[in-house]
Amino acid sequence: MRVWVVGTWSEVAKLEGHADDVYACAWSPDGTKLASASYDHTVRVWDVNTWLEVATLQGHADDVNRCAWSPGGTQLASASDDATVRVRDVSTWLEVAKLAAHEGIVLACAWSPDGTKLATASYDQTVRVREIDTWLEVATLEGHGGVVISCAWSPDGTKLASASEDKTLRVWEVDTWLEAATLEGHGGVVWMCAWSPDGKRLASVSDDETVCVWLAPTVTPVLTSGQANDTNVPDSSLETFVAQAKRWAESAAEASARELTAANTRTEVANTRAEASDTRARRLEGDMEALQGCSLEELRQVGWCRLIPG
């Protein structure tokens, strides 16, 4: 993991320690720590003043896909392929909750702005929400027709957005947990969604190579792939927002490409091993056919007498 200074874009830190791909990172709210989530099944926490590792958080039995700090910075949540979400107390790094959150891989976790709820997104095509006081589930949001990859709370906490493999985003009203909008427009998997700081816009990135920006609450697409429509010319803040979203899209695409390459490599290795096993089996079968009808003396001459009892 690398850290750059904004403005000069000079690299100030290269953080090493994970034993596999690092898939996500998150700053603590006070900016003093940086957490990273990895396919090595761990979350690691780094001190920003020294860039030294201050904690290695183990417990997950599979890849860790996301990590998220609570708004007050007192807790750190992580989502994993092992279908659980784990929450740790930052003062001790001890686990305070292990949530069997879904019936499949958990790809994302997000705290509500007031820190009272935790939302999670999963392969089981749902978003689930839990109250932090009891860790009990208060909502299961269904409607997507594919894996839900990302979820994000609006800054005021009144809405929750989700992005899915089904090429759509959905926006949910937190008061009722009813679906407020289904946003269609992407031609491929929607990897991530993010609200603007003022909550007036929602950005989404997709493997259709586009970024869409939606205007809330009417959720009208005002920008696609950096091109403004006739009635909504972006201001400088929107241009900056879209540029950031494009970088997120590129990062997501690169991560997907790495996963595909790794999967192809594993497949090639498996095929090579299978071919070698088939070759050995055919060779042994041929040897056994050649042995049929041989006399004991002939077997001794070729060294096969050890196969004959007595």
Foldseek 3Di string as FASTA:
>chain_A
DWDADPPVRHTDDDADDDPADWADKDAQLVRQKIWIFFQSQWIWIAGPVVRHTDDIQHDGPGGWQDKDAQLVRQKIWIFFQSQWIWIAGPVVRHTPDIGNPDPGGWRDWDAQNVRQKIWTFFQVQWIWIAGPVVRDTDDIQHDDPGGWHEKDAQNVRQWIWTFFQSQWIWIAGPVVRHTPDIGHDGPGGWHYWDADNVRQWIWIAGPSLKIWIAGPPVRHTQDIRHDGDPPRDDDPVVSVVRVVVNVVNVSVVVVVVVVVVVVVVVVVVVVVVVVVVVVVVVVVVVVVVVPPPDDLVVCVVVPNNVVPDD
